[in-house]
Amino acid sequence: MFNVMRYPDFGLGGLWAFVIGVSICALLHVAGIGVEAVDNGIEGRSSIFGLNANETGQIYGLAFIAVVALGLFRHTRPGLRLIVFPIASLLAVTLAKTGSRGGLLLAAAGVLILLPQTRAFVPRTKRYLALLLLAVVFAGVMSQIPTVLKRLAPVASSNATREEPRGRMAVVLWEIFLRSPIYGSGPDRYQYELTRRALPYLAEKQQTVPSHNLALLLLVETGIIGFAVFAVGLARALVSAWRARTGQIGLLPLAWLLALTLSAVTISSQIFEAGFWLVLTYALAGPGLILLGHSPPKLRGHNCSIPVERSCVSR
């Protein structure tokens, strides 16, 4: 995946392919094709094609951030810029339908990270006006389809730890981690105890639940050793995403990865989802990504068609 993303035309063309693909799924979601109710329809949540609703919400959230960034790039053609708002509205509607709090947090945090973008984006005044309009559209959609807001209510209450299942799960997971803090308890061995203590009604149905928190998942399964190893790799990707901010794709890699990291250490554990590795790889490839149709700089005395870096070899 890293090698594919280093291809020069991926910087813009690959993003549009991702956004268009997710938008087609969103259209099917709105049309009711392949849609499945979640929790027997009690909360009004739905997903598509048998995917987990939180995973679907994460994909919609990533696409929402991407389409906002594409709309703000200086190199985006005016005709394409006009379709940003309809696509963003569509993604907001389907994100609300999934009822995913992680997807909502991901989209909101990602757009906020895009705010201080520099020369790669449109002028500051237009940027703030566009983002304000997108925020109004997003808030309007959420008010009409309040599934996410209903699910946020227990989190905002004073008894969130007792009322919110993920709050109870976090307490149990921490206790399990303390029993074997160095090297953990191994993959999936914690799930039955977690379900029995935090969600006993699922245990009675012979069902188990994962951690829904990436940090606690790593600590419980692999202990401090595994958590430290993973943290080193994640830190390297974050540094790479930060370095990419001065390039032609600006803050998009950082907006994706930092927002996903914030979501992962609070209310989700996306380590087994393809979207997580897509974002991680995009961040690592970010400093070398080139927008379609724009030539990279060359070293003096060198004849290279790739970005200026150590791999550029003189003839």
C-alpha atoms as a PDB file:
ATOM      1  CA  MET A   1       0.000   0.000   0.000  1.00  0.00           C
ATOM      2  CA  PHE A   2       2.883   2.345   0.806  1.00  0.00           C
ATOM      3  CA  ASN A   3       4.424   1.803  -2.645  1.00  0.00           C
ATOM      4  CA  VAL A   4       1.079   2.473  -4.344  1.00  0.00           C
ATOM      5  CA  MET A   5       0.647   5.716  -2.426  1.00  0.00           C
ATOM      6  CA  ARG A   6       4.105   6.913  -3.424  1.00  0.00           C
ATOM      7  CA  TYR A   7       2.996   6.903  -7.059  1.00  0.00           C
ATOM      8  CA  PRO A   8       3.012  10.585  -8.165  1.00  0.00           C
ATOM      9  CA  ASP A   9      -0.584  10.654  -9.418  1.00  0.00           C
ATOM     10  CA  PHE A  10      -2.058   9.317  -6.195  1.00  0.00           C
ATOM     11  CA  GLY A  11      -1.932  12.644  -4.332  1.00  0.00           C
ATOM     12  CA  LEU A  12      -5.140  13.935  -5.911  1.00  0.00           C
ATOM     13  CA  GLY A  13      -6.495  11.186  -8.132  1.00  0.00           C
ATOM     14  CA  GLY A  14      -6.386   8.575  -5.392  1.00  0.00           C
ATOM     15  CA  LEU A  15      -8.249  10.841  -2.981  1.00  0.00           C
ATOM     16  CA  TRP A  16     -11.011  11.481  -5.507  1.00  0.00           C
ATOM     17  CA  ALA A  17     -11.300   7.745  -6.159  1.00  0.00           C
ATOM     18  CA  PHE A  18     -11.711   7.129  -2.430  1.00  0.00           C
ATOM     19  CA  VAL A  19     -14.288   9.892  -2.009  1.00  0.00           C
ATOM     20  CA  ILE A  20     -16.314   8.812  -5.051  1.00  0.00           C
ATOM     21  CA  GLY A  21     -16.294   5.171  -3.959  1.00  0.00           C
ATOM     22  CA  VAL A  22     -17.525   6.005  -0.458  1.00  0.00           C
ATOM     23  CA  SER A  23     -20.107   8.430  -1.901  1.00  0.00           C
ATOM     24  CA  ILE A  24     -21.574   5.646  -4.054  1.00  0.00           C
ATOM     25  CA  CYS A  25     -21.949   3.504  -0.925  1.00  0.00           C
ATOM     26  CA  ALA A  26     -23.547   6.479   0.833  1.00  0.00           C
ATOM     27  CA  LEU A  27     -26.061   6.865  -2.009  1.00  0.00           C
ATOM     28  CA  LEU A  28     -26.972   3.189  -1.674  1.00  0.00           C
ATOM     29  CA  HIS A  29     -27.307   3.694   2.083  1.00  0.00           C
ATOM     30  CA  VAL A  30     -29.746   6.569   1.614  1.00  0.00           C
ATOM     31  CA  ALA A  31     -31.655   4.624  -1.051  1.00  0.00           C
ATOM     32  CA  GLY A  32     -32.034   1.670   1.324  1.00  0.00           C
ATOM     33  CA  ILE A  33     -30.061  -0.783  -0.834  1.00  0.00           C
ATOM     34  CA  GLY A  34     -28.142  -3.290   1.274  1.00  0.00           C
ATOM     35  CA  VAL A  35     -29.101  -1.479   4.477  1.00  0.00           C
ATOM     36  CA  GLU A  36     -29.374  -3.401   7.743  1.00  0.00           C
ATOM     37  CA  ALA A  37     -30.808  -2.137  11.017  1.00  0.00           C
ATOM     38  CA  VAL A  38     -28.561  -2.143  14.093  1.00  0.00           C
ATOM     39  CA  ASP A  39     -29.763  -3.180  17.559  1.00  0.00           C
ATOM     40  CA  ASN A  40     -33.067  -4.322  16.066  1.00  0.00           C
ATOM     41  CA  GLY A  41     -33.818  -0.735  15.092  1.00  0.00           C
ATOM     42  CA  ILE A  42     -34.207   0.375  18.714  1.00  0.00           C
ATOM     43  CA  GLU A  43     -31.841   3.320  18.303  1.00  0.00           C
ATOM     44  CA  GLY A  44     -32.632   3.986  14.670  1.00  0.00           C
ATOM     45  CA  ARG A  45     -29.102   3.033  13.625  1.00  0.00           C
ATOM     46  CA  SER A  46     -28.295   1.335  10.354  1.00  0.00           C
ATOM     47  CA  SER A  47     -25.314   0.035   8.423  1.00  0.00           C
ATOM     48  CA  ILE A  48     -24.765  -1.296   4.916  1.00  0.00           C
ATOM     49  CA  PHE A  49     -23.647  -4.597   3.362  1.00  0.00           C
ATOM     50  CA  GLY A  50     -23.276  -6.318   6.730  1.00  0.00           C
ATOM     51  CA  LEU A  51     -20.537  -4.024   8.013  1.00  0.00           C
ATOM     52  CA  ASN A  52     -20.331  -2.954  11.622  1.00  0.00           C
ATOM     53  CA  ALA A  53     -22.052   0.438  12.026  1.00  0.00           C
ATOM     54  CA  ASN A  54     -19.033   1.953  13.783  1.00  0.00           C
ATOM     55  CA  GLU A  55     -16.717   0.782  11.008  1.00  0.00           C
ATOM     56  CA  THR A  56     -19.053   2.246   8.395  1.00  0.00           C
ATOM     57  CA  GLY A  57     -19.218   5.508  10.333  1.00  0.00           C
ATOM     58  CA  GLN A  58     -15.429   5.671  10.437  1.00  0.00           C
ATOM     59  CA  ILE A  59     -15.235   5.254   6.648  1.00  0.00           C
ATOM     60  CA  TYR A  60     -17.812   8.012   6.150  1.00  0.00           C
ATOM     61  CA  GLY A  61     -15.871  10.228   8.573  1.00  0.00           C
ATOM     62  CA  LEU A  62     -12.596   9.734   6.696  1.00  0.00           C
ATOM     63  CA  ALA A  63     -14.312  10.497   3.389  1.00  0.00           C
ATOM     64  CA  PHE A  64     -15.872  13.642   4.908  1.00  0.00           C
ATOM     65  CA  ILE A  65     -12.428  14.941   5.928  1.00  0.00           C
ATOM     66  CA  ALA A  66     -11.009  14.067   2.505  1.00  0.00           C
ATOM     67  CA  VAL A  67     -13.723  15.857   0.552  1.00  0.00           C
ATOM     68  CA  VAL A  68     -13.341  18.974   2.716  1.00  0.00           C
ATOM     69  CA  ALA A  69      -9.587  18.959   2.043  1.00  0.00           C
ATOM     70  CA  LEU A  70     -10.137  18.457  -1.690  1.00  0.00           C
ATOM     71  CA  GLY A  71     -12.519  21.399  -1.734  1.00  0.00           C
ATOM     72  CA  LEU A  72      -9.904  23.611  -0.105  1.00  0.00           C
ATOM     73  CA  PHE A  73      -6.901  22.663  -2.241  1.00  0.00           C
ATOM     74  CA  ARG A  74      -5.768  25.468  -4.540  1.00  0.00           C
ATOM     75  CA  HIS A  75      -5.214  22.987  -7.371  1.00  0.00           C
ATOM     76  CA  THR A  76      -8.793  21.638  -7.319  1.00  0.00           C
ATOM     77  CA  ARG A  77     -10.638  22.753 -10.435  1.00  0.00           C
ATOM     78  CA  PRO A  78     -13.627  25.085  -9.865  1.00  0.00           C
ATOM     79  CA  GLY A  79     -16.031  22.595 -11.421  1.00  0.00           C
ATOM     80  CA  LEU A  80     -14.984  19.878  -8.999  1.00  0.00           C
ATOM     81  CA  ARG A  81     -15.069  22.304  -6.091  1.00  0.00           C
ATOM     82  CA  LEU A  82     -18.814  22.790  -6.649  1.00  0.00           C
ATOM     83  CA  ILE A  83     -19.615  19.161  -5.856  1.00  0.00           C
ATOM     84  CA  VAL A  84     -17.881  19.277  -2.475  1.00  0.00           C
ATOM     85  CA  PHE A  85     -20.939  20.539  -0.591  1.00  0.00           C
ATOM     86  CA  PRO A  86     -23.401  17.958  -2.004  1.00  0.00           C
ATOM     87  CA  ILE A  87     -20.961  15.131  -1.252  1.00  0.00           C
ATOM     88  CA  ALA A  88     -20.254  16.477   2.237  1.00  0.00           C
ATOM     89  CA  SER A  89     -24.002  16.732   2.934  1.00  0.00           C
ATOM     90  CA  LEU A  90     -24.561  13.170   1.719  1.00  0.00           C
ATOM     91  CA  LEU A  91     -21.751  11.841   3.913  1.00  0.00           C
ATOM     92  CA  ALA A  92     -23.104  13.768   6.914  1.00  0.00           C
ATOM     93  CA  VAL A  93     -26.534  12.178   6.432  1.00  0.00           C
ATOM     94  CA  THR A  94     -25.174   8.643   6.228  1.00  0.00           C
ATOM     95  CA  LEU A  95     -22.767   9.249   9.115  1.00  0.00           C
ATOM     96  CA  ALA A  96     -25.758  10.253  11.221  1.00  0.00           C
ATOM     97  CA  LYS A  97     -27.608   7.116  10.128  1.00  0.00           C
ATOM     98  CA  THR A  98     -24.817   4.891  11.435  1.00  0.00           C
ATOM     99  CA  GLY A  99     -25.062   6.556  14.849  1.00  0.00           C
ATOM    100  CA  SER A 100     -21.296   6.185  15.214  1.00  0.00           C
ATOM    101  CA  ARG A 101     -19.821   8.431  17.887  1.00  0.00           C
ATOM    102  CA  GLY A 102     -16.339   7.524  16.713  1.00  0.00           C
ATOM    103  CA  GLY A 103     -17.190   8.579  13.162  1.00  0.00           C
ATOM    104  CA  LEU A 104     -18.625  11.877  14.406  1.00  0.00           C
ATOM    105  CA  LEU A 105     -15.553  12.585  16.543  1.00  0.00           C
ATOM    106  CA  LEU A 106     -13.294  11.653  13.638  1.00  0.00           C
ATOM    107  CA  ALA A 107     -15.031  13.990  11.171  1.00  0.00           C
ATOM    108  CA  ALA A 108     -15.219  16.925  13.584  1.00  0.00           C
ATOM    109  CA  ALA A 109     -11.603  16.640  14.771  1.00  0.00           C
ATOM    110  CA  GLY A 110     -10.272  16.179  11.239  1.00  0.00           C
ATOM    111  CA  VAL A 111     -11.983  19.305   9.918  1.00  0.00           C
ATOM    112  CA  LEU A 112     -10.727  21.335  12.897  1.00  0.00           C
ATOM    113  CA  ILE A 113      -7.160  20.202  12.200  1.00  0.00           C
ATOM    114  CA  LEU A 114      -7.512  21.421   8.608  1.00  0.00           C
ATOM    115  CA  LEU A 115      -8.329  24.975   9.780  1.00  0.00           C
ATOM    116  CA  PRO A 116      -4.769  26.383  10.052  1.00  0.00           C
ATOM    117  CA  GLN A 117      -3.775  25.119   6.601  1.00  0.00           C
ATOM    118  CA  THR A 118      -1.219  27.312   4.852  1.00  0.00           C
ATOM    119  CA  ARG A 119      -0.409  27.934   1.208  1.00  0.00           C
ATOM    120  CA  ALA A 120      -1.770  24.636  -0.120  1.00  0.00           C
ATOM    121  CA  PHE A 121      -5.346  25.771   0.521  1.00  0.00           C
ATOM    122  CA  VAL A 122      -7.546  28.655  -0.541  1.00  0.00           C
ATOM    123  CA  PRO A 123      -7.150  32.078   1.137  1.00  0.00           C
ATOM    124  CA  ARG A 124      -7.951  32.234   4.844  1.00  0.00           C
ATOM    125  CA  THR A 125     -11.239  34.167   4.595  1.00  0.00           C
ATOM    126  CA  LYS A 126     -12.710  31.855   1.978  1.00  0.00           C
ATOM    127  CA  ARG A 127     -11.442  28.854   3.920  1.00  0.00           C
ATOM    128  CA  TYR A 128     -13.185  29.893   7.134  1.00  0.00           C
ATOM    129  CA  LEU A 129     -16.407  30.764   5.318  1.00  0.00           C
ATOM    130  CA  ALA A 130     -16.437  27.414   3.551  1.00  0.00           C
ATOM    131  CA  LEU A 131     -15.783  25.506   6.762  1.00  0.00           C
ATOM    132  CA  LEU A 132     -18.440  27.523   8.586  1.00  0.00           C
ATOM    133  CA  LEU A 133     -20.960  26.634   5.911  1.00  0.00           C
ATOM    134  CA  LEU A 134     -19.976  22.973   6.152  1.00  0.00           C
ATOM    135  CA  ALA A 135     -20.401  23.134   9.931  1.00  0.00           C
ATOM    136  CA  VAL A 136     -23.888  24.573   9.517  1.00  0.00           C
ATOM    137  CA  VAL A 137     -24.797  21.822   7.049  1.00  0.00           C
ATOM    138  CA  PHE A 138     -23.379  19.172   9.386  1.00  0.00           C
ATOM    139  CA  ALA A 139     -25.253  20.546  12.404  1.00  0.00           C
ATOM    140  CA  GLY A 140     -28.481  20.773  10.389  1.00  0.00           C
ATOM    141  CA  VAL A 141     -28.199  17.144   9.359  1.00  0.00           C
ATOM    142  CA  MET A 142     -27.539  16.012  12.918  1.00  0.00           C
ATOM    143  CA  SER A 143     -30.578  17.916  14.170  1.00  0.00           C
ATOM    144  CA  GLN A 144     -32.814  16.162  11.640  1.00  0.00           C
ATOM    145  CA  ILE A 145     -31.320  12.692  12.263  1.00  0.00           C
ATOM    146  CA  PRO A 146     -30.467  12.858  15.979  1.00  0.00           C
ATOM    147  CA  THR A 147     -29.285   9.252  16.332  1.00  0.00           C
ATOM    148  CA  VAL A 148     -25.716  10.295  17.161  1.00  0.00           C
ATOM    149  CA  LEU A 149     -26.868  12.969  19.605  1.00  0.00           C
ATOM    150  CA  LYS A 150     -29.016  10.415  21.437  1.00  0.00           C
ATOM    151  CA  ARG A 151     -26.001   8.158  21.775  1.00  0.00           C
ATOM    152  CA  LEU A 152     -23.897  11.067  23.054  1.00  0.00           C
ATOM    153  CA  ALA A 153     -26.371  11.850  25.849  1.00  0.00           C
ATOM    154  CA  PRO A 154     -25.154   9.116  28.240  1.00  0.00           C
ATOM    155  CA  VAL A 155     -21.540  10.218  27.722  1.00  0.00           C
ATOM    156  CA  ALA A 156     -22.375  13.797  28.717  1.00  0.00           C
ATOM    157  CA  SER A 157     -24.257  12.769  31.887  1.00  0.00           C
ATOM    158  CA  SER A 158     -22.680  12.832  35.340  1.00  0.00           C
ATOM    159  CA  ASN A 159     -23.189   9.066  35.665  1.00  0.00           C
ATOM    160  CA  ALA A 160     -21.456   8.251  32.394  1.00  0.00           C
ATOM    161  CA  THR A 161     -19.196   5.596  33.936  1.00  0.00           C
ATOM    162  CA  ARG A 162     -22.190   3.611  35.202  1.00  0.00           C
ATOM    163  CA  GLU A 163     -24.681   4.327  32.412  1.00  0.00           C
ATOM    164  CA  GLU A 164     -22.382   4.150  29.393  1.00  0.00           C
ATOM    165  CA  PRO A 165     -21.264   0.590  28.523  1.00  0.00           C
ATOM    166  CA  ARG A 166     -17.866   1.772  27.303  1.00  0.00           C
ATOM    167  CA  GLY A 167     -17.287   3.499  30.623  1.00  0.00           C
ATOM    168  CA  ARG A 168     -17.907   0.231  32.463  1.00  0.00           C
ATOM    169  CA  MET A 169     -15.728  -1.606  29.955  1.00  0.00           C
ATOM    170  CA  ALA A 170     -12.807   0.768  30.535  1.00  0.00           C
ATOM    171  CA  VAL A 171     -12.833   0.052  34.290  1.00  0.00           C
ATOM    172  CA  VAL A 172     -12.850  -3.714  33.731  1.00  0.00           C
ATOM    173  CA  LEU A 173     -10.120  -3.531  31.090  1.00  0.00           C
ATOM    174  CA  TRP A 174      -7.866  -1.522  33.379  1.00  0.00           C
ATOM    175  CA  GLU A 175      -8.261  -4.105  36.133  1.00  0.00           C
ATOM    176  CA  ILE A 176      -7.405  -6.907  33.680  1.00  0.00           C
ATOM    177  CA  PHE A 177      -4.311  -4.987  32.539  1.00  0.00           C
ATOM    178  CA  LEU A 178      -3.074  -4.567  36.120  1.00  0.00           C
ATOM    179  CA  ARG A 179      -3.052  -8.351  36.554  1.00  0.00           C
ATOM    180  CA  SER A 180      -0.423  -8.745  33.783  1.00  0.00           C
ATOM    181  CA  PRO A 181       0.989  -5.295  33.008  1.00  0.00           C
ATOM    182  CA  ILE A 182       4.288  -6.316  31.393  1.00  0.00           C
ATOM    183  CA  TYR A 183       3.340  -8.666  28.551  1.00  0.00           C
ATOM    184  CA  GLY A 184      -0.482  -8.758  28.720  1.00  0.00           C
ATOM    185  CA  SER A 185      -2.970 -11.620  28.728  1.00  0.00           C
ATOM    186  CA  GLY A 186      -2.836 -12.516  25.027  1.00  0.00           C
ATOM    187  CA  PRO A 187      -5.188 -11.932  22.071  1.00  0.00           C
ATOM    188  CA  ASP A 188      -8.928 -12.154  22.823  1.00  0.00           C
ATOM    189  CA  ARG A 189      -8.506 -13.958  26.153  1.00  0.00           C
ATOM    190  CA  TYR A 190     -10.007 -10.989  27.962  1.00  0.00           C
ATOM    191  CA  GLN A 191     -13.249 -10.747  25.970  1.00  0.00           C
ATOM    192  CA  TYR A 192     -15.388 -13.220  27.916  1.00  0.00           C
ATOM    193  CA  GLU A 193     -14.508 -11.651  31.273  1.00  0.00           C
ATOM    194  CA  LEU A 194     -15.065  -8.174  29.855  1.00  0.00           C
ATOM    195  CA  THR A 195     -18.501  -9.132  28.530  1.00  0.00           C
ATOM    196  CA  ARG A 196     -19.512 -10.963  31.698  1.00  0.00           C
ATOM    197  CA  ARG A 197     -18.603  -8.067  33.980  1.00  0.00           C
ATOM    198  CA  ALA A 198     -19.509  -5.040  31.848  1.00  0.00           C
ATOM    199  CA  LEU A 199     -22.321  -6.361  29.624  1.00  0.00           C
ATOM    200  CA  PRO A 200     -23.761  -9.454  31.348  1.00  0.00           C
ATOM    201  CA  TYR A 201     -26.863  -9.547  29.144  1.00  0.00           C
ATOM    202  CA  LEU A 202     -24.614 -10.282  26.141  1.00  0.00           C
ATOM    203  CA  ALA A 203     -22.759 -12.990  28.029  1.00  0.00           C
ATOM    204  CA  GLU A 204     -26.088 -14.738  28.626  1.00  0.00           C
ATOM    205  CA  LYS A 205     -26.536 -14.827  24.841  1.00  0.00           C
ATOM    206  CA  GLN A 206     -23.063 -16.357  24.432  1.00  0.00           C
ATOM    207  CA  GLN A 207     -21.783 -13.161  22.800  1.00  0.00           C
ATOM    208  CA  THR A 208     -18.555 -11.312  23.512  1.00  0.00           C
ATOM    209  CA  VAL A 209     -17.423  -7.754  22.825  1.00  0.00           C
ATOM    210  CA  PRO A 210     -13.986  -6.284  22.014  1.00  0.00           C
ATOM    211  CA  SER A 211     -12.441  -3.439  23.971  1.00  0.00           C
ATOM    212  CA  HIS A 212     -13.666  -0.449  21.859  1.00  0.00           C
ATOM    213  CA  ASN A 213     -10.490   1.344  22.978  1.00  0.00           C
ATOM    214  CA  LEU A 214      -7.215   0.870  21.110  1.00  0.00           C
ATOM    215  CA  ALA A 215      -4.942   1.918  23.984  1.00  0.00           C
ATOM    216  CA  LEU A 216      -6.601  -0.442  26.453  1.00  0.00           C
ATOM    217  CA  LEU A 217      -6.734  -3.198  23.832  1.00  0.00           C
ATOM    218  CA  LEU A 218      -2.954  -3.029  23.374  1.00  0.00           C
ATOM    219  CA  LEU A 219      -2.279  -2.840  27.112  1.00  0.00           C
ATOM    220  CA  VAL A 220      -4.547  -5.800  27.911  1.00  0.00           C
ATOM    221  CA  GLU A 221      -3.431  -8.066  25.058  1.00  0.00           C
ATOM    222  CA  THR A 222       0.274  -7.177  24.768  1.00  0.00           C
ATOM    223  CA  GLY A 223       1.070  -5.275  27.963  1.00  0.00           C
ATOM    224  CA  ILE A 224       3.436  -2.348  28.261  1.00  0.00           C
ATOM    225  CA  ILE A 225       5.929  -4.007  25.898  1.00  0.00           C
ATOM    226  CA  GLY A 226       3.493  -4.332  23.008  1.00  0.00           C
ATOM    227  CA  PHE A 227       1.990  -0.904  23.685  1.00  0.00           C
ATOM    228  CA  ALA A 228       5.455   0.713  23.539  1.00  0.00           C
ATOM    229  CA  VAL A 229       6.343  -1.034  20.267  1.00  0.00           C
ATOM    230  CA  PHE A 230       3.092   0.062  18.649  1.00  0.00           C
ATOM    231  CA  ALA A 231       3.466   3.600  20.022  1.00  0.00           C
ATOM    232  CA  VAL A 232       6.890   3.946  18.377  1.00  0.00           C
ATOM    233  CA  GLY A 233       5.451   3.054  14.969  1.00  0.00           C
ATOM    234  CA  LEU A 234       2.469   5.353  15.439  1.00  0.00           C
ATOM    235  CA  ALA A 235       4.734   8.212  16.538  1.00  0.00           C
ATOM    236  CA  ARG A 236       6.830   7.786  13.400  1.00  0.00           C
ATOM    237  CA  ALA A 237       3.694   8.008  11.262  1.00  0.00           C
ATOM    238  CA  LEU A 238       2.560  11.154  13.116  1.00  0.00           C
ATOM    239  CA  VAL A 239       5.952  12.780  12.554  1.00  0.00           C
ATOM    240  CA  SER A 240       5.745  11.898   8.861  1.00  0.00           C
ATOM    241  CA  ALA A 241       2.240  13.389   8.663  1.00  0.00           C
ATOM    242  CA  TRP A 242       3.536  16.579  10.314  1.00  0.00           C
ATOM    243  CA  ARG A 243       6.382  16.811   7.793  1.00  0.00           C
ATOM    244  CA  ALA A 244       3.868  16.515   4.950  1.00  0.00           C
ATOM    245  CA  ARG A 245       2.085  19.717   6.038  1.00  0.00           C
ATOM    246  CA  THR A 246       4.419  21.900   3.926  1.00  0.00           C
ATOM    247  CA  GLY A 247       3.844  19.820   0.807  1.00  0.00           C
ATOM    248  CA  GLN A 248       1.094  19.922  -1.779  1.00  0.00           C
ATOM    249  CA  ILE A 249      -1.358  17.827   0.245  1.00  0.00           C
ATOM    250  CA  GLY A 250      -0.951  20.019   3.312  1.00  0.00           C
ATOM    251  CA  LEU A 251      -2.453  18.940   6.622  1.00  0.00           C
ATOM    252  CA  LEU A 252      -4.647  16.158   5.246  1.00  0.00           C
ATOM    253  CA  PRO A 253      -2.398  13.254   6.413  1.00  0.00           C
ATOM    254  CA  LEU A 254      -2.202  14.796   9.894  1.00  0.00           C
ATOM    255  CA  ALA A 255      -5.941  15.504   9.951  1.00  0.00           C
ATOM    256  CA  TRP A 256      -6.641  11.880   9.109  1.00  0.00           C
ATOM    257  CA  LEU A 257      -4.135  10.231  11.450  1.00  0.00           C
ATOM    258  CA  LEU A 258      -4.367  12.552  14.466  1.00  0.00           C
ATOM    259  CA  ALA A 259      -8.167  12.520  14.409  1.00  0.00           C
ATOM    260  CA  LEU A 260      -8.191   8.732  14.085  1.00  0.00           C
ATOM    261  CA  THR A 261      -5.696   8.427  16.947  1.00  0.00           C
ATOM    262  CA  LEU A 262      -7.851  10.612  19.208  1.00  0.00           C
ATOM    263  CA  SER A 263     -10.847   8.443  18.359  1.00  0.00           C
ATOM    264  CA  ALA A 264      -8.872   5.240  18.941  1.00  0.00           C
ATOM    265  CA  VAL A 265      -7.709   6.150  22.450  1.00  0.00           C
ATOM    266  CA  THR A 266     -11.183   7.208  23.577  1.00  0.00           C
ATOM    267  CA  ILE A 267     -14.084   5.252  22.088  1.00  0.00           C
ATOM    268  CA  SER A 268     -12.902   2.895  19.348  1.00  0.00           C
ATOM    269  CA  SER A 269     -10.289   0.275  18.462  1.00  0.00           C
ATOM    270  CA  GLN A 270      -9.789   0.320  14.687  1.00  0.00           C
ATOM    271  CA  ILE A 271      -6.591  -1.725  14.586  1.00  0.00           C
ATOM    272  CA  PHE A 272      -8.378  -4.574  12.757  1.00  0.00           C
ATOM    273  CA  GLU A 273     -10.047  -2.285  10.205  1.00  0.00           C
ATOM    274  CA  ALA A 274      -8.646  -1.504   6.765  1.00  0.00           C
ATOM    275  CA  GLY A 275      -9.341   2.220   7.219  1.00  0.00           C
ATOM    276  CA  PHE A 276      -6.850   2.442  10.067  1.00  0.00           C
ATOM    277  CA  TRP A 277      -4.003   1.021   7.970  1.00  0.00           C
ATOM    278  CA  LEU A 278      -5.014   3.171   5.003  1.00  0.00           C
ATOM    279  CA  VAL A 279      -4.618   6.293   7.134  1.00  0.00           C
ATOM    280  CA  LEU A 280      -1.375   5.071   8.723  1.00  0.00           C
ATOM    281  CA  THR A 281       0.178   4.340   5.333  1.00  0.00           C
ATOM    282  CA  TYR A 282      -1.045   7.621   3.856  1.00  0.00           C
ATOM    283  CA  ALA A 283       0.682   9.467   6.696  1.00  0.00           C
ATOM    284  CA  LEU A 284       3.971   7.639   6.084  1.00  0.00           C
ATOM    285  CA  ALA A 285       3.774   8.323   2.342  1.00  0.00           C
ATOM    286  CA  GLY A 286       2.605  11.919   2.826  1.00  0.00           C
ATOM    287  CA  PRO A 287       5.932  13.773   2.439  1.00  0.00           C
ATOM    288  CA  GLY A 288       6.434  12.210  -1.008  1.00  0.00           C
ATOM    289  CA  LEU A 289       2.909  12.628  -2.399  1.00  0.00           C
ATOM    290  CA  ILE A 290       2.576  14.901  -5.432  1.00  0.00           C
ATOM    291  CA  LEU A 291      -0.655  16.403  -6.729  1.00  0.00           C
ATOM    292  CA  LEU A 292      -1.703  15.221 -10.170  1.00  0.00           C
ATOM    293  CA  GLY A 293      -0.297  17.337 -13.005  1.00  0.00           C
ATOM    294  CA  HIS A 294       2.233  19.254 -10.897  1.00  0.00           C
ATOM    295  CA  SER A 295       5.948  18.597 -11.252  1.00  0.00           C
ATOM    296  CA  PRO A 296       8.073  18.160  -8.118  1.00  0.00           C
ATOM    297  CA  PRO A 297      11.220  20.199  -7.530  1.00  0.00           C
ATOM    298  CA  LYS A 298      14.573  18.868  -8.702  1.00  0.00           C
ATOM    299  CA  LEU A 299      18.005  18.974  -7.168  1.00  0.00           C
ATOM    300  CA  ARG A 300      20.564  21.199  -8.859  1.00  0.00           C
ATOM    301  CA  GLY A 301      22.756  19.093 -11.078  1.00  0.00           C
ATOM    302  CA  HIS A 302      20.412  16.124 -10.898  1.00  0.00           C
ATOM    303  CA  ASN A 303      17.946  14.733 -13.392  1.00  0.00           C
ATOM    304  CA  CYS A 304      15.159  13.203 -11.318  1.00  0.00           C
ATOM    305  CA  SER A 305      11.392  13.063 -11.715  1.00  0.00           C
ATOM    306  CA  ILE A 306      10.683  12.073  -8.122  1.00  0.00           C
ATOM    307  CA  PRO A 307      10.468  14.295  -5.000  1.00  0.00           C
ATOM    308  CA  VAL A 308      13.750  15.596  -3.636  1.00  0.00           C
ATOM    309  CA  GLU A 309      14.886  13.094  -1.007  1.00  0.00           C
ATOM    310  CA  ARG A 310      17.773  10.740  -0.298  1.00  0.00           C
ATOM    311  CA  SER A 311      16.661   8.248  -2.954  1.00  0.00           C
ATOM    312  CA  CYS A 312      17.213  10.809  -5.737  1.00  0.00           C
ATOM    313  CA  VAL A 313      20.342   9.621  -7.563  1.00  0.00           C
ATOM    314  CA  SER A 314      22.447  11.763  -9.893  1.00  0.00           C
ATOM    315  CA  ARG A 315      23.253  10.511 -13.357  1.00  0.00           C
END
